[in-house]
Amino acid sequence: MAVTRFAPSPTGYLHIGGLRTALYNYLWARKTNGVFRLRIEDTDTQRNNEDAMKAIINAFDWVGLNYDGVVEYQSQRMDIYKKYIQQLLDDGKAYYCYMSKEELDALREEQMANKQTPRYDGRYRDFTGTPPQGVEPVVRIKAPQEGKITFVDGVKSIMNINCDEVDDFVIARSNGFPTYNFVVAIDDALMGITDVIRGDDHLTNTTKQIIVYEALGFEIPKFYHVPMINNPQGKKLSKRDGAMDVMEYKNQGYLPEALLNFLVRLGWSNKDQEIFSMEEMLELFDPQNINKSASSYNQEKLLWLNAHYIKNISNERLSKELEFFDCYLEGHDKKEMILDLTKERAQTLVELKDTIANILNRPESYEEKGVNKFIKEDTAKFLDAYLKTLEETKESLHLACDYETVTKPFIEKFELKFPQLFQPIRIALTGGTQAPSVYDIMAILGYEEVNLRIRTALDKNFK
């Protein structure tokens, strides 16, 4: 049974890299009948953003990653952290460091001049003298000075870090606030986290957190460090490439299951399978199979997946999703017909909404390029004749096939090519040349509306 967590900082909105991390943690916990926790790491009071905090919760609700228990906030756990800082001080495993900022800067400059890696030199590690006046001390943990720190990473295999690469790092600032690596280790231990799945930008933090674990006698969890998501050029993902607020994907018309399916494949695979239901993800996912190399964001694949889910979810669900975009089909007597027609070509819900609006709303103008290409001198003449044919058979016009039955003989009688009739009709009905089947559009609109729109276009001379 795995106990996992997702622990974002509310200093910015949740982006897709974070959502992928959350998804992997969620899948592993649920697959093993374990526990999935959500913890907000809000100790950085200067950078916390209340809106970003709410957006993280909203994003979880939207994609359906349900967490166990209540949301934990680090800002509400300060007494716990202070208790453990004091315990380390009392046990001689941590100490007050009175080094001033000026002294630290001078030490760093000297080390860099000597081509050394800048690091604290431990000068207050065993200090027993009189503390200097006017310096608010930080608290540093005593890191091991010999040997190696070794742990097994589920993605990267065995990791060995020489102890001389880790200095006595700060666990509490001069204002008493604990630091990131200290509170993360405390929280993970006290919450019983067994598996830490996170981005490999945290790899260097792991060594420090293990030092905290060992100093306090806590059990060390399993670690899985997931490679980053790059843009198609192999560079860091930017907002332009897709690293935007997760809720912006909702605004752009993506379905949550399409986004989750897309993200699960950015770093993990099951042979050549591309489409994964949540049930299949839960059955097949194992963090041991996370790819060792970075993955590339592919906008075309996301659109392809989204189109797949738009086509395959129920019309009832689709109708509800469209309401977010102020497209309301409930109560429309042709709802099923409208959705069956329009969802076949839509890549996003925004595209779907626009296509539906294009059909249901009377055009206020006509595409100039299409008019110039398809509206000829004799167009008005055969459109007028076509409307008379429709009027004579209007009682039998209900489905797309009914309009087809009437239209084919008309085309043969007037010796027309299909575009000669259909493109002027399409322009008259929707204002443009890019729209679904004319027969389907006419069936949705009904004879009276078709007649009105074509007559209006003729009266305006398609202008």
Protein backbone atom coordinates (compact mmCIF):
# COMPACT_ATOMS: atom_id res chain seq x y z
CA MET A 1 0.00 0.00 0.00
CA ALA A 2 1.55 3.30 -1.13
CA VAL A 3 0.98 6.59 0.65
CA THR A 4 1.77 9.41 -1.78
CA ARG A 5 1.33 13.15 -1.85
CA PHE A 6 1.29 16.13 -4.13
CA ALA A 7 2.75 19.21 -2.49
CA PRO A 8 2.63 22.37 -4.62
CA SER A 9 3.69 25.84 -3.51
CA PRO A 10 0.94 28.44 -4.06
CA THR A 11 3.38 30.98 -5.49
CA GLY A 12 1.96 30.48 -8.98
CA TYR A 13 -0.79 28.59 -10.74
CA LEU A 14 -0.71 24.84 -11.19
CA HIS A 15 0.86 24.04 -14.55
CA ILE A 16 0.82 20.77 -16.47
CA GLY A 17 4.19 19.56 -15.14
CA GLY A 18 2.74 19.76 -11.65
CA LEU A 19 -0.48 18.10 -12.75
CA ARG A 20 1.50 15.21 -14.27
CA THR A 21 3.31 14.75 -10.95
CA ALA A 22 -0.02 14.78 -9.13
CA LEU A 23 -1.45 12.24 -11.59
CA TYR A 24 1.45 9.82 -11.11
CA ASN A 25 1.11 10.05 -7.32
CA TYR A 26 -2.65 9.61 -7.55
CA LEU A 27 -2.42 6.55 -9.81
CA TRP A 28 0.16 4.79 -7.64
CA ALA A 29 -1.81 5.39 -4.44
CA ARG A 30 -5.10 4.28 -5.95
CA LYS A 31 -3.59 1.24 -7.69
CA THR A 32 -2.14 -0.04 -4.42
CA ASN A 33 -5.28 0.78 -2.39
CA GLY A 34 -3.20 3.36 -0.61
CA VAL A 35 -3.61 7.02 0.32
CA PHE A 36 -3.16 10.16 -1.78
CA ARG A 37 -2.62 13.40 0.15
CA LEU A 38 -2.68 17.03 -0.94
CA ARG A 39 -0.37 19.39 0.94
CA ILE A 40 0.01 23.09 0.22
CA GLU A 41 3.55 24.24 0.93
CA ASP A 42 2.78 27.83 1.86
CA THR A 43 5.60 28.72 4.25
CA ASP A 44 6.93 31.38 1.84
CA THR A 45 4.56 34.07 3.09
CA GLN A 46 6.13 36.74 0.87
CA ARG A 47 5.34 34.87 -2.36
CA ASN A 48 2.10 33.06 -1.53
CA ASN A 49 -0.85 33.87 -3.77
CA GLU A 50 -4.37 33.31 -2.48
CA ASP A 51 -5.82 33.03 -6.00
CA ALA A 52 -3.16 30.49 -6.98
CA MET A 53 -3.99 28.45 -3.89
CA LYS A 54 -7.67 28.32 -4.89
CA ALA A 55 -6.72 27.53 -8.49
CA ILE A 56 -4.79 24.44 -7.36
CA ILE A 57 -7.89 23.10 -5.59
CA ASN A 58 -10.10 24.02 -8.57
CA ALA A 59 -7.76 22.21 -10.96
CA PHE A 60 -7.93 19.05 -8.85
CA ASP A 61 -11.73 19.24 -8.82
CA TRP A 62 -11.85 19.75 -12.59
CA VAL A 63 -9.68 16.77 -13.52
CA GLY A 64 -11.19 14.56 -10.82
CA LEU A 65 -8.06 13.73 -8.81
CA ASN A 66 -9.73 13.20 -5.46
CA TYR A 67 -7.36 13.30 -2.48
CA ASP A 68 -7.78 11.65 0.91
CA GLY A 69 -8.44 13.56 4.09
CA VAL A 70 -8.23 17.32 4.38
CA VAL A 71 -5.82 19.60 2.56
CA GLU A 72 -2.78 20.14 4.75
CA TYR A 73 -1.25 23.64 4.93
CA GLN A 74 2.33 23.98 6.10
CA SER A 75 1.58 27.46 7.43
CA GLN A 76 -0.63 25.81 10.04
CA ARG A 77 2.12 23.41 11.22
CA MET A 78 4.76 25.86 12.47
CA ASP A 79 4.61 24.61 16.05
CA ILE A 80 5.44 21.11 14.81
CA TYR A 81 8.50 22.31 12.89
CA LYS A 82 9.78 24.40 15.81
CA LYS A 83 9.48 21.38 18.09
CA TYR A 84 11.73 19.28 15.84
CA ILE A 85 14.23 22.11 15.35
CA GLN A 86 14.52 22.34 19.12
CA GLN A 87 14.90 18.56 19.37
CA LEU A 88 17.86 18.63 16.97
CA LEU A 89 19.45 21.50 18.91
CA ASP A 90 18.99 19.65 22.19
CA ASP A 91 20.48 16.47 20.72
CA GLY A 92 23.52 18.32 19.38
CA LYS A 93 22.53 17.49 15.79
CA ALA A 94 21.93 21.12 14.90
CA TYR A 95 23.46 24.41 16.03
CA TYR A 96 23.14 28.17 15.90
CA CYS A 97 25.25 29.82 13.24
CA TYR A 98 26.11 33.52 13.80
CA MET A 99 27.75 34.15 10.46
CA SER A 100 26.67 37.48 9.02
CA LYS A 101 25.58 38.01 5.42
CA GLU A 102 28.79 39.95 4.80
CA GLU A 103 30.88 37.06 6.09
CA LEU A 104 28.96 34.59 3.92
CA ASP A 105 29.40 36.78 0.84
CA ALA A 106 33.13 37.14 1.50
CA LEU A 107 33.52 33.38 1.97
CA ARG A 108 31.65 32.72 -1.27
CA GLU A 109 33.80 35.18 -3.22
CA GLU A 110 36.98 33.63 -1.85
CA GLN A 111 35.85 30.10 -2.74
CA MET A 112 34.84 31.13 -6.25
CA ALA A 113 38.19 32.88 -6.74
CA ASN A 114 39.87 29.61 -5.78
CA LYS A 115 37.60 27.76 -8.21
CA GLN A 116 35.88 25.96 -5.33
CA THR A 117 32.19 25.18 -5.02
CA PRO A 118 30.67 27.84 -2.72
CA ARG A 119 29.60 26.24 0.54
CA TYR A 120 29.43 27.02 4.23
CA ASP A 121 32.70 26.15 5.96
CA GLY A 122 31.26 24.90 9.26
CA ARG A 123 32.94 27.57 11.39
CA TYR A 124 30.15 27.55 14.02
CA ARG A 125 29.61 23.79 13.99
CA ASP A 126 31.28 23.22 17.35
CA PHE A 127 31.25 26.79 18.59
CA THR A 128 31.19 27.16 22.40
CA GLY A 129 32.29 30.77 22.78
CA THR A 130 30.31 33.96 23.33
CA PRO A 131 27.93 34.69 20.44
CA PRO A 132 28.70 37.91 18.53
CA GLN A 133 26.47 40.87 19.31
CA GLY A 134 23.72 42.03 16.94
CA VAL A 135 23.51 38.87 14.83
CA GLU A 136 20.26 36.91 14.69
CA PRO A 137 21.48 33.34 14.18
CA VAL A 138 20.18 30.76 11.75
CA VAL A 139 19.98 27.10 12.71
CA ARG A 140 22.08 24.65 10.70
CA ILE A 141 21.88 20.87 10.77
CA LYS A 142 25.08 18.86 11.19
CA ALA A 143 25.50 17.04 7.90
CA PRO A 144 27.71 13.92 7.80
CA GLN A 145 31.29 14.85 6.86
CA GLU A 146 32.58 11.48 5.67
CA GLY A 147 31.39 8.71 3.39
CA LYS A 148 28.45 8.74 0.99
CA ILE A 149 24.73 9.31 1.14
CA THR A 150 23.14 6.53 -0.89
CA PHE A 151 19.54 5.99 -1.93
CA VAL A 152 17.72 4.06 -4.61
CA ASP A 153 15.78 6.21 -7.07
CA GLY A 154 12.97 4.27 -8.75
CA VAL A 155 13.65 6.07 -12.03
CA LYS A 156 17.38 6.77 -11.97
CA SER A 157 18.59 3.68 -10.06
CA ILE A 158 21.24 3.92 -7.28
CA MET A 159 22.34 7.44 -6.37
CA ASN A 160 25.60 8.04 -4.46
CA ILE A 161 26.46 11.51 -3.18
CA ASN A 162 29.76 12.20 -1.46
CA CYS A 163 29.22 13.81 1.93
CA ASP A 164 31.79 16.50 1.16
CA GLU A 165 29.32 17.81 -1.45
CA VAL A 166 26.76 18.70 1.23
CA ASP A 167 27.38 21.44 3.78
CA ASP A 168 25.65 22.11 7.10
CA PHE A 169 22.57 23.64 5.48
CA VAL A 170 20.14 26.01 7.17
CA ILE A 171 17.00 24.44 8.65
CA ALA A 172 15.65 27.62 10.30
CA ARG A 173 16.17 31.20 9.17
CA SER A 174 17.11 34.02 11.51
CA ASN A 175 13.41 34.94 11.88
CA GLY A 176 12.66 31.43 13.13
CA PHE A 177 10.94 30.27 9.93
CA PRO A 178 11.96 26.74 8.92
CA THR A 179 13.38 26.10 5.44
CA TYR A 180 11.90 24.08 2.60
CA ASN A 181 13.97 20.90 2.84
CA PHE A 182 13.42 20.66 6.59
CA VAL A 183 9.63 21.05 6.57
CA VAL A 184 9.20 18.72 3.58
CA ALA A 185 11.07 15.94 5.36
CA ILE A 186 9.10 16.50 8.58
CA ASP A 187 5.75 16.51 6.77
CA ASP A 188 6.47 13.47 4.64
CA ALA A 189 7.58 11.51 7.70
CA LEU A 190 4.68 12.51 9.94
CA MET A 191 2.13 11.95 7.17
CA GLY A 192 3.49 8.45 6.60
CA ILE A 193 4.48 9.09 2.98
CA THR A 194 5.98 5.88 1.60
CA ASP A 195 6.61 6.95 -2.00
CA VAL A 196 7.76 10.40 -3.14
CA ILE A 197 7.16 10.90 -6.87
CA ARG A 198 8.30 14.33 -8.04
CA GLY A 199 10.18 16.19 -10.76
CA ASP A 200 13.88 15.58 -11.07
CA ASP A 201 14.53 19.26 -10.35
CA HIS A 202 14.11 18.09 -6.72
CA LEU A 203 16.91 15.53 -6.98
CA THR A 204 19.45 17.73 -5.20
CA ASN A 205 16.93 18.32 -2.39
CA THR A 206 16.66 14.60 -1.68
CA THR A 207 20.13 14.38 -0.16
CA LYS A 208 19.34 17.15 2.32
CA GLN A 209 15.99 15.63 3.20
CA ILE A 210 17.60 12.25 3.87
CA ILE A 211 19.97 13.98 6.30
CA VAL A 212 16.92 15.35 8.16
CA TYR A 213 15.24 11.92 8.14
CA GLU A 214 18.30 10.24 9.59
CA ALA A 215 18.94 12.94 12.20
CA LEU A 216 15.41 12.47 13.55
CA GLY A 217 15.30 8.68 13.18
CA PHE A 218 12.50 8.75 10.57
CA GLU A 219 12.01 6.03 7.99
CA ILE A 220 13.17 7.11 4.54
CA PRO A 221 10.56 6.77 1.76
CA LYS A 222 11.11 5.50 -1.77
CA PHE A 223 11.99 8.23 -4.25
CA TYR A 224 11.07 8.53 -7.93
CA HIS A 225 12.41 11.58 -9.75
CA VAL A 226 10.54 12.18 -13.00
CA PRO A 227 12.38 13.86 -15.92
CA MET A 228 11.10 17.22 -17.08
CA ILE A 229 8.69 17.96 -19.91
CA ASN A 230 10.49 19.85 -22.68
CA ASN A 231 9.17 21.77 -25.64
CA PRO A 232 9.42 20.18 -29.12
CA GLN A 233 12.90 21.73 -29.52
CA GLY A 234 14.13 19.99 -26.36
CA LYS A 235 14.26 23.17 -24.28
CA LYS A 236 12.45 24.12 -21.07
CA LEU A 237 8.69 24.29 -21.55
CA SER A 238 7.43 27.87 -21.69
CA LYS A 239 3.91 29.28 -21.41
CA ARG A 240 3.83 29.61 -25.18
CA ASP A 241 4.56 25.86 -25.48
CA GLY A 242 1.86 24.78 -23.03
CA ALA A 243 3.24 25.45 -19.54
CA MET A 244 0.21 27.51 -18.57
CA ASP A 245 -2.30 27.36 -15.75
CA VAL A 246 -4.12 24.01 -15.89
CA MET A 247 -7.47 25.80 -15.79
CA GLU A 248 -6.53 27.61 -19.00
CA TYR A 249 -6.78 24.21 -20.70
CA LYS A 250 -10.40 24.13 -19.58
CA ASN A 251 -10.92 27.64 -20.96
CA GLN A 252 -9.44 26.54 -24.28
CA GLY A 253 -11.91 23.67 -24.57
CA TYR A 254 -9.99 20.59 -23.48
CA LEU A 255 -11.69 17.74 -21.65
CA PRO A 256 -10.05 16.66 -18.39
CA GLU A 257 -9.74 13.01 -19.46
CA ALA A 258 -7.93 14.10 -22.64
CA LEU A 259 -5.46 16.18 -20.63
CA LEU A 260 -4.82 13.35 -18.14
CA ASN A 261 -4.39 10.83 -20.97
CA PHE A 262 -1.93 13.22 -22.62
CA LEU A 263 0.04 13.75 -19.41
CA VAL A 264 0.28 10.10 -18.41
CA ARG A 265 2.08 9.45 -21.71
CA LEU A 266 4.56 12.28 -21.14
CA GLY A 267 7.08 10.14 -19.32
CA TRP A 268 5.39 6.73 -19.12
CA SER A 269 4.18 4.22 -21.67
CA ASN A 270 2.60 0.83 -22.18
CA LYS A 271 3.95 -0.49 -25.48
CA ASP A 272 2.41 1.56 -28.31
CA GLN A 273 -0.90 2.29 -26.58
CA GLU A 274 -2.01 5.93 -26.84
CA ILE A 275 -5.59 5.96 -25.51
CA PHE A 276 -5.93 5.25 -21.80
CA SER A 277 -9.09 5.34 -19.75
CA MET A 278 -8.64 6.08 -16.05
CA GLU A 279 -9.35 2.40 -15.37
CA GLU A 280 -6.51 1.38 -17.71
CA MET A 281 -4.12 3.89 -16.16
CA LEU A 282 -4.88 2.48 -12.71
CA GLU A 283 -4.37 -1.07 -13.93
CA LEU A 284 -1.14 -0.49 -15.83
CA PHE A 285 0.74 2.37 -14.15
CA ASP A 286 3.89 1.59 -12.20
CA PRO A 287 6.41 4.32 -11.29
CA GLN A 288 9.24 1.84 -11.93
CA ASN A 289 8.36 2.18 -15.63
CA ILE A 290 8.68 5.98 -15.79
CA ASN A 291 11.01 6.97 -18.62
CA LYS A 292 14.53 7.98 -17.70
CA SER A 293 14.75 10.71 -20.35
CA ALA A 294 12.78 13.94 -20.70
CA SER A 295 9.57 13.93 -22.74
CA SER A 296 8.45 16.41 -25.39
CA TYR A 297 5.22 18.36 -25.33
CA ASN A 298 3.22 17.67 -28.50
CA GLN A 299 0.30 20.01 -29.13
CA GLU A 300 -0.94 17.99 -32.11
CA LYS A 301 -1.21 14.84 -30.01
CA LEU A 302 -3.15 16.68 -27.31
CA LEU A 303 -5.61 17.97 -29.92
CA TRP A 304 -5.91 14.49 -31.41
CA LEU A 305 -6.68 13.01 -28.00
CA ASN A 306 -9.17 15.75 -27.22
CA ALA A 307 -10.97 15.17 -30.52
CA HIS A 308 -11.14 11.46 -29.66
CA TYR A 309 -12.79 12.11 -26.31
CA ILE A 310 -15.18 14.71 -27.73
CA LYS A 311 -16.36 12.12 -30.25
CA ASN A 312 -16.71 9.36 -27.68
CA ILE A 313 -18.29 10.89 -24.59
CA SER A 314 -22.08 10.96 -24.35
CA ASN A 315 -24.06 13.79 -25.88
CA GLU A 316 -25.55 14.41 -22.45
CA ARG A 317 -22.07 15.05 -21.02
CA LEU A 318 -21.07 17.07 -24.07
CA SER A 319 -24.13 19.26 -23.69
CA LYS A 320 -23.21 19.95 -20.05
CA GLU A 321 -19.59 20.73 -20.93
CA LEU A 322 -20.70 23.24 -23.57
CA GLU A 323 -22.65 25.24 -21.02
CA PHE A 324 -19.32 26.48 -19.64
CA PHE A 325 -18.90 28.24 -23.00
CA ASP A 326 -22.43 29.72 -22.95
CA CYS A 327 -23.68 27.19 -25.47
CA TYR A 328 -27.00 25.80 -24.26
CA LEU A 329 -28.62 22.87 -26.07
CA GLU A 330 -30.80 21.48 -23.28
CA GLY A 331 -34.39 21.58 -24.44
CA HIS A 332 -33.46 21.93 -28.11
CA ASP A 333 -35.50 19.36 -30.05
CA LYS A 334 -32.53 18.69 -32.36
CA LYS A 335 -29.87 18.41 -29.64
CA GLU A 336 -28.82 14.85 -30.53
CA MET A 337 -28.72 15.63 -34.24
CA ILE A 338 -26.68 18.80 -33.66
CA LEU A 339 -24.08 17.07 -31.49
CA ASP A 340 -23.84 13.94 -33.64
CA LEU A 341 -23.06 16.17 -36.60
CA THR A 342 -20.70 18.73 -35.10
CA LYS A 343 -18.60 16.63 -32.71
CA GLU A 344 -17.10 14.57 -35.53
CA ARG A 345 -14.80 17.37 -36.65
CA ALA A 346 -14.18 19.35 -33.45
CA GLN A 347 -10.78 19.24 -31.77
CA THR A 348 -11.82 21.41 -28.82
CA LEU A 349 -15.07 22.38 -27.11
CA VAL A 350 -14.46 25.95 -28.29
CA GLU A 351 -14.38 24.72 -31.90
CA LEU A 352 -17.51 22.69 -31.21
CA LYS A 353 -19.32 25.68 -29.75
CA ASP A 354 -18.34 27.84 -32.75
CA THR A 355 -19.54 25.21 -35.22
CA ILE A 356 -22.87 24.88 -33.42
CA ALA A 357 -23.27 28.66 -33.27
CA ASN A 358 -22.47 28.82 -36.97
CA ILE A 359 -25.41 26.53 -37.66
CA LEU A 360 -27.97 27.81 -35.18
CA ASN A 361 -27.32 31.55 -35.53
CA ARG A 362 -28.44 33.33 -38.67
CA PRO A 363 -25.46 34.75 -40.54
CA GLU A 364 -25.00 38.50 -40.36
CA SER A 365 -22.55 38.57 -43.25
CA TYR A 366 -21.27 36.29 -45.98
CA GLU A 367 -17.69 35.20 -46.61
CA GLU A 368 -16.44 37.43 -49.43
CA LYS A 369 -13.99 34.89 -50.83
CA GLY A 370 -16.68 32.19 -50.96
CA VAL A 371 -19.22 34.54 -52.52
CA ASN A 372 -16.78 35.59 -55.25
CA LYS A 373 -15.96 31.99 -56.04
CA PHE A 374 -19.37 30.31 -55.90
CA ILE A 375 -22.10 32.92 -56.46
CA LYS A 376 -22.59 33.22 -60.22
CA GLU A 377 -25.11 34.95 -62.49
CA ASP A 378 -27.42 31.93 -62.58
CA THR A 379 -27.13 31.10 -58.83
CA ALA A 380 -30.23 33.08 -57.86
CA LYS A 381 -32.24 31.39 -60.59
CA PHE A 382 -31.58 27.78 -59.55
CA LEU A 383 -31.72 28.59 -55.82
CA ASP A 384 -35.18 30.05 -56.34
CA ALA A 385 -36.19 26.91 -58.21
CA TYR A 386 -34.71 24.77 -55.46
CA LEU A 387 -36.73 26.56 -52.79
CA LYS A 388 -39.90 25.88 -54.76
CA THR A 389 -38.97 22.20 -54.87
CA LEU A 390 -38.48 22.20 -51.10
CA GLU A 391 -41.81 23.95 -50.58
CA GLU A 392 -43.63 21.32 -52.64
CA THR A 393 -42.15 18.53 -50.48
CA LYS A 394 -41.83 20.31 -47.11
CA GLU A 395 -44.24 17.98 -45.31
CA SER A 396 -41.83 15.07 -45.87
CA LEU A 397 -38.63 16.93 -44.92
CA HIS A 398 -37.43 15.83 -41.49
CA LEU A 399 -34.09 14.01 -41.72
CA ALA A 400 -30.94 14.61 -43.74
CA CYS A 401 -31.86 11.70 -46.00
CA ASP A 402 -35.21 13.36 -46.80
CA TYR A 403 -33.41 16.45 -48.13
CA GLU A 404 -31.04 14.21 -50.07
CA THR A 405 -33.97 12.39 -51.69
CA VAL A 406 -35.39 15.69 -52.92
CA THR A 407 -32.08 17.30 -53.89
CA LYS A 408 -30.44 14.64 -56.06
CA PRO A 409 -33.16 14.63 -58.74
CA PHE A 410 -33.09 18.45 -58.70
CA ILE A 411 -29.34 18.47 -59.40
CA GLU A 412 -29.80 16.01 -62.27
CA LYS A 413 -32.71 17.97 -63.72
CA PHE A 414 -30.75 21.24 -63.83
CA GLU A 415 -27.52 19.45 -64.80
CA LEU A 416 -25.62 20.99 -61.90
CA LYS A 417 -22.45 19.90 -60.20
CA PHE A 418 -22.81 19.43 -56.46
CA PRO A 419 -20.63 22.46 -55.46
CA GLN A 420 -22.73 24.71 -57.70
CA LEU A 421 -25.73 24.11 -55.46
CA PHE A 422 -24.26 23.17 -52.11
CA GLN A 423 -21.71 25.94 -51.66
CA PRO A 424 -24.22 28.77 -52.29
CA ILE A 425 -26.64 27.01 -49.90
CA ARG A 426 -23.88 26.56 -47.30
CA ILE A 427 -22.97 30.24 -47.55
CA ALA A 428 -26.61 31.26 -47.26
CA LEU A 429 -27.21 29.06 -44.22
CA THR A 430 -23.96 29.64 -42.28
CA GLY A 431 -22.24 32.62 -43.85
CA GLY A 432 -19.21 30.62 -44.99
CA THR A 433 -17.97 27.67 -47.01
CA GLN A 434 -16.53 25.63 -44.11
CA ALA A 435 -19.41 23.80 -42.47
CA PRO A 436 -20.70 20.23 -42.09
CA SER A 437 -22.96 18.45 -44.58
CA VAL A 438 -25.62 20.69 -46.10
CA TYR A 439 -28.22 17.94 -45.78
CA ASP A 440 -27.54 17.68 -42.05
CA ILE A 441 -27.64 21.44 -41.56
CA MET A 442 -30.99 21.69 -43.34
CA ALA A 443 -32.39 18.83 -41.26
CA ILE A 444 -31.35 20.63 -38.09
CA LEU A 445 -32.74 24.00 -39.16
CA GLY A 446 -35.96 22.72 -40.71
CA TYR A 447 -37.66 23.88 -43.90
CA GLU A 448 -38.94 27.25 -42.64
CA GLU A 449 -35.54 28.41 -41.38
CA VAL A 450 -33.77 27.10 -44.50
CA ASN A 451 -36.21 28.97 -46.71
CA LEU A 452 -35.81 32.16 -44.68
CA ARG A 453 -32.00 32.11 -44.74
CA ILE A 454 -31.71 31.39 -48.45
CA ARG A 455 -34.33 34.07 -49.26
CA THR A 456 -32.47 36.56 -47.06
CA ALA A 457 -29.17 35.81 -48.82
CA LEU A 458 -30.83 36.23 -52.21
CA ASP A 459 -32.46 39.50 -51.17
CA LYS A 460 -29.09 40.80 -49.97
CA ASN A 461 -27.44 39.44 -53.12
CA PHE A 462 -25.02 37.65 -50.71
CA LYS A 463 -23.61 41.01 -49.52
